[in-house]
Amino acid sequence: MNFRSTRWILATLFVLLLAAGQLPRYGTAGVLVKDVTISANDQTTTIDCSASSVVVHGEDNNLTLRGECKKLKVTGNDNRINAITVNEVEVSGDDNVINVETVTTITTTGDDNNISWKSGAGGEPPKISTKGDDNHIRQRGN
């Protein structure tokens, strides 16, 4: 192998490695996974999660999350969120009302949040950790 061939192979390998770091993440079905951030206030919207994460910084929003969400992170206050399936719910904001059909983990550090869930993933109850004050996390009936 001559110097020119070696240089071409190394250059090609470098470009491939560089491109690999820039590729978007894809879900299991080959669907582009794009995380969603809500920074605005007073929004009413429906979001198709498609295995992405949703971050809510805004306040007084009314959100519906469809499909399976990787993570729901709420740092804003006074939001109402309804979701089908969320792997991980993390709430550091205050006075939020969150209803989830199926969830694996719920963590709260904010105060006065109301979180209800119908079932845990795989038939097991979700792992719950609450460090804030006056949070109400409960399973709701069918």
C-alpha atoms as a PDB file:
ATOM      1  CA  MET A   1       0.000   0.000   0.000  1.00  0.00           C
ATOM      2  CA  ASN A   2       1.491   3.338  -1.007  1.00  0.00           C
ATOM      3  CA  PHE A   3       1.370   6.652   0.821  1.00  0.00           C
ATOM      4  CA  ARG A   4      -1.376   8.050  -1.423  1.00  0.00           C
ATOM      5  CA  SER A   5      -3.699   5.066  -0.735  1.00  0.00           C
ATOM      6  CA  THR A   6      -3.036   5.230   2.988  1.00  0.00           C
ATOM      7  CA  ARG A   7      -3.809   8.960   3.060  1.00  0.00           C
ATOM      8  CA  TRP A   8      -7.073   8.405   1.110  1.00  0.00           C
ATOM      9  CA  ILE A   9      -8.178   5.634   3.492  1.00  0.00           C
ATOM     10  CA  LEU A  10      -7.380   7.745   6.569  1.00  0.00           C
ATOM     11  CA  ALA A  11      -9.192  10.765   5.123  1.00  0.00           C
ATOM     12  CA  THR A  12     -12.251   8.657   4.298  1.00  0.00           C
ATOM     13  CA  LEU A  13     -12.247   7.102   7.763  1.00  0.00           C
ATOM     14  CA  PHE A  14     -11.972  10.546   9.371  1.00  0.00           C
ATOM     15  CA  VAL A  15     -14.938  11.862   7.356  1.00  0.00           C
ATOM     16  CA  LEU A  16     -17.036   8.811   8.251  1.00  0.00           C
ATOM     17  CA  LEU A  17     -16.245   9.146  11.950  1.00  0.00           C
ATOM     18  CA  LEU A  18     -16.967  12.863  11.851  1.00  0.00           C
ATOM     19  CA  ALA A  19     -20.275  12.278  10.074  1.00  0.00           C
ATOM     20  CA  ALA A  20     -21.258   9.566  12.548  1.00  0.00           C
ATOM     21  CA  GLY A  21     -21.099  12.094  15.369  1.00  0.00           C
ATOM     22  CA  GLN A  22     -23.437  14.401  13.442  1.00  0.00           C
ATOM     23  CA  LEU A  23     -26.144  11.887  12.592  1.00  0.00           C
ATOM     24  CA  PRO A  24     -29.567  12.462  14.167  1.00  0.00           C
ATOM     25  CA  ARG A  25     -30.842   9.919  16.678  1.00  0.00           C
ATOM     26  CA  TYR A  26     -33.376   7.425  15.375  1.00  0.00           C
ATOM     27  CA  GLY A  27     -35.960   5.437  17.320  1.00  0.00           C
ATOM     28  CA  THR A  28     -36.401   1.699  17.001  1.00  0.00           C
ATOM     29  CA  ALA A  29     -38.706   2.032  14.004  1.00  0.00           C
ATOM     30  CA  GLY A  30     -36.234   4.211  12.102  1.00  0.00           C
ATOM     31  CA  VAL A  31     -38.204   7.369  12.879  1.00  0.00           C
ATOM     32  CA  LEU A  32     -36.230  10.547  13.478  1.00  0.00           C
ATOM     33  CA  VAL A  33     -36.155  11.302  17.202  1.00  0.00           C
ATOM     34  CA  LYS A  34     -36.331  15.008  17.953  1.00  0.00           C
ATOM     35  CA  ASP A  35     -36.538  16.290  21.501  1.00  0.00           C
ATOM     36  CA  VAL A  36     -39.147  18.983  22.137  1.00  0.00           C
ATOM     37  CA  THR A  37     -38.692  22.014  24.397  1.00  0.00           C
ATOM     38  CA  ILE A  38     -41.632  24.203  25.430  1.00  0.00           C
ATOM     39  CA  SER A  39     -40.358  27.572  26.667  1.00  0.00           C
ATOM     40  CA  ALA A  40     -43.454  29.641  25.897  1.00  0.00           C
ATOM     41  CA  ASN A  41     -46.294  30.324  28.323  1.00  0.00           C
ATOM     42  CA  ASP A  42     -50.054  29.779  27.996  1.00  0.00           C
ATOM     43  CA  GLN A  43     -49.796  27.231  25.163  1.00  0.00           C
ATOM     44  CA  THR A  44     -52.338  24.530  24.416  1.00  0.00           C
ATOM     45  CA  THR A  45     -50.855  21.889  22.149  1.00  0.00           C
ATOM     46  CA  THR A  46     -50.524  18.187  21.394  1.00  0.00           C
ATOM     47  CA  ILE A  47     -47.068  16.680  20.931  1.00  0.00           C
ATOM     48  CA  ASP A  48     -46.291  13.349  19.290  1.00  0.00           C
ATOM     49  CA  CYS A  49     -43.371  12.049  21.355  1.00  0.00           C
ATOM     50  CA  SER A  50     -42.136   9.284  19.034  1.00  0.00           C
ATOM     51  CA  ALA A  51     -39.606   8.147  21.688  1.00  0.00           C
ATOM     52  CA  SER A  52     -38.279  11.676  22.205  1.00  0.00           C
ATOM     53  CA  SER A  53     -37.898  13.725  25.370  1.00  0.00           C
ATOM     54  CA  VAL A  54     -40.088  16.697  26.222  1.00  0.00           C
ATOM     55  CA  VAL A  55     -38.808  19.570  28.372  1.00  0.00           C
ATOM     56  CA  VAL A  56     -41.285  22.138  29.680  1.00  0.00           C
ATOM     57  CA  HIS A  57     -39.737  25.417  30.864  1.00  0.00           C
ATOM     58  CA  GLY A  58     -42.843  27.515  30.285  1.00  0.00           C
ATOM     59  CA  GLU A  59     -45.760  28.221  32.596  1.00  0.00           C
ATOM     60  CA  ASP A  60     -49.533  27.791  32.445  1.00  0.00           C
ATOM     61  CA  ASN A  61     -49.389  25.386  29.498  1.00  0.00           C
ATOM     62  CA  ASN A  62     -51.959  22.705  28.689  1.00  0.00           C
ATOM     63  CA  LEU A  63     -50.100  19.886  26.918  1.00  0.00           C
ATOM     64  CA  THR A  64     -51.102  16.475  25.605  1.00  0.00           C
ATOM     65  CA  LEU A  65     -48.271  14.036  24.910  1.00  0.00           C
ATOM     66  CA  ARG A  66     -49.129  11.194  22.540  1.00  0.00           C
ATOM     67  CA  GLY A  67     -47.169   8.042  21.921  1.00  0.00           C
ATOM     68  CA  GLU A  68     -44.212   6.944  23.995  1.00  0.00           C
ATOM     69  CA  CYS A  69     -41.989   9.625  25.523  1.00  0.00           C
ATOM     70  CA  LYS A  70     -38.482   8.848  26.662  1.00  0.00           C
ATOM     71  CA  LYS A  71     -38.551  11.575  29.324  1.00  0.00           C
ATOM     72  CA  LEU A  72     -40.783  14.391  30.527  1.00  0.00           C
ATOM     73  CA  LYS A  73     -38.862  17.096  32.389  1.00  0.00           C
ATOM     74  CA  VAL A  74     -40.901  19.957  33.859  1.00  0.00           C
ATOM     75  CA  THR A  75     -39.031  22.967  35.238  1.00  0.00           C
ATOM     76  CA  GLY A  76     -41.883  25.429  34.708  1.00  0.00           C
ATOM     77  CA  ASN A  77     -44.858  26.095  36.975  1.00  0.00           C
ATOM     78  CA  ASP A  78     -48.645  25.704  36.772  1.00  0.00           C
ATOM     79  CA  ASN A  79     -48.667  23.358  33.761  1.00  0.00           C
ATOM     80  CA  ARG A  80     -51.321  20.714  33.008  1.00  0.00           C
ATOM     81  CA  ILE A  81     -49.862  17.745  31.161  1.00  0.00           C
ATOM     82  CA  ASN A  82     -51.584  14.554  30.004  1.00  0.00           C
ATOM     83  CA  ALA A  83     -49.417  11.762  28.618  1.00  0.00           C
ATOM     84  CA  ILE A  84     -49.871   8.219  27.381  1.00  0.00           C
ATOM     85  CA  THR A  85     -46.505   6.571  28.095  1.00  0.00           C
ATOM     86  CA  VAL A  86     -43.467   8.209  29.698  1.00  0.00           C
ATOM     87  CA  ASN A  87     -40.387   6.310  30.762  1.00  0.00           C
ATOM     88  CA  GLU A  88     -39.179   8.984  33.198  1.00  0.00           C
ATOM     89  CA  VAL A  89     -41.065  11.943  34.699  1.00  0.00           C
ATOM     90  CA  GLU A  90     -38.859  14.545  36.413  1.00  0.00           C
ATOM     91  CA  VAL A  91     -40.485  17.627  37.962  1.00  0.00           C
ATOM     92  CA  SER A  92     -38.532  20.477  39.540  1.00  0.00           C
ATOM     93  CA  GLY A  93     -41.195  23.142  38.933  1.00  0.00           C
ATOM     94  CA  ASP A  94     -44.119  23.913  41.233  1.00  0.00           C
ATOM     95  CA  ASP A  95     -47.915  23.553  41.080  1.00  0.00           C
ATOM     96  CA  ASN A  96     -48.014  21.260  38.038  1.00  0.00           C
ATOM     97  CA  VAL A  97     -50.746  18.709  37.352  1.00  0.00           C
ATOM     98  CA  ILE A  98     -49.485  15.677  35.418  1.00  0.00           C
ATOM     99  CA  ASN A  99     -51.522  12.627  34.411  1.00  0.00           C
ATOM    100  CA  VAL A 100     -49.683   9.668  32.882  1.00  0.00           C
ATOM    101  CA  GLU A 101     -51.196   6.402  31.719  1.00  0.00           C
ATOM    102  CA  THR A 102     -47.979   4.320  31.982  1.00  0.00           C
ATOM    103  CA  VAL A 103     -44.742   5.397  33.670  1.00  0.00           C
ATOM    104  CA  THR A 104     -41.508   3.786  34.889  1.00  0.00           C
ATOM    105  CA  THR A 105     -39.976   6.477  37.151  1.00  0.00           C
ATOM    106  CA  ILE A 106     -41.331   9.628  38.832  1.00  0.00           C
ATOM    107  CA  THR A 107     -38.976  12.115  40.518  1.00  0.00           C
ATOM    108  CA  THR A 108     -40.021  15.427  42.052  1.00  0.00           C
ATOM    109  CA  THR A 109     -37.939  18.136  43.679  1.00  0.00           C
ATOM    110  CA  GLY A 110     -40.474  20.931  43.186  1.00  0.00           C
ATOM    111  CA  ASP A 111     -43.406  21.715  45.467  1.00  0.00           C
ATOM    112  CA  ASP A 112     -47.197  21.333  45.303  1.00  0.00           C
ATOM    113  CA  ASN A 113     -47.247  19.068  42.253  1.00  0.00           C
ATOM    114  CA  ASN A 114     -50.051  16.577  41.586  1.00  0.00           C
ATOM    115  CA  ILE A 115     -48.951  13.557  39.588  1.00  0.00           C
ATOM    116  CA  SER A 116     -51.218  10.613  38.858  1.00  0.00           C
ATOM    117  CA  TRP A 117     -50.450   7.425  36.993  1.00  0.00           C
ATOM    118  CA  LYS A 118     -52.564   4.498  35.899  1.00  0.00           C
ATOM    119  CA  SER A 119     -49.963   1.727  35.585  1.00  0.00           C
ATOM    120  CA  GLY A 120     -46.262   1.115  35.791  1.00  0.00           C
ATOM    121  CA  ALA A 121     -44.224  -0.299  32.930  1.00  0.00           C
ATOM    122  CA  GLY A 122     -44.225  -4.086  32.790  1.00  0.00           C
ATOM    123  CA  GLY A 123     -46.994  -4.328  35.374  1.00  0.00           C
ATOM    124  CA  GLU A 124     -44.710  -3.064  38.159  1.00  0.00           C
ATOM    125  CA  PRO A 125     -45.466   0.159  40.037  1.00  0.00           C
ATOM    126  CA  PRO A 126     -43.208   3.075  39.069  1.00  0.00           C
ATOM    127  CA  LYS A 127     -40.165   4.001  41.135  1.00  0.00           C
ATOM    128  CA  ILE A 128     -41.100   7.186  42.981  1.00  0.00           C
ATOM    129  CA  SER A 129     -38.815   9.748  44.620  1.00  0.00           C
ATOM    130  CA  THR A 130     -40.124  13.034  45.995  1.00  0.00           C
ATOM    131  CA  LYS A 131     -37.961  15.583  47.764  1.00  0.00           C
ATOM    132  CA  GLY A 132     -40.217  18.597  47.388  1.00  0.00           C
ATOM    133  CA  ASP A 133     -42.966  19.704  49.743  1.00  0.00           C
ATOM    134  CA  ASP A 134     -46.669  18.907  49.417  1.00  0.00           C
ATOM    135  CA  ASN A 135     -46.365  16.780  46.289  1.00  0.00           C
ATOM    136  CA  HIS A 136     -49.180  14.287  45.714  1.00  0.00           C
ATOM    137  CA  ILE A 137     -48.220  11.257  43.663  1.00  0.00           C
ATOM    138  CA  ARG A 138     -50.855   8.570  43.362  1.00  0.00           C
ATOM    139  CA  GLN A 139     -52.189   5.760  41.258  1.00  0.00           C
ATOM    140  CA  ARG A 140     -55.577   6.480  39.806  1.00  0.00           C
ATOM    141  CA  GLY A 141     -58.221   3.865  39.167  1.00  0.00           C
ATOM    142  CA  ASN A 142     -59.198   2.397  35.845  1.00  0.00           C
END
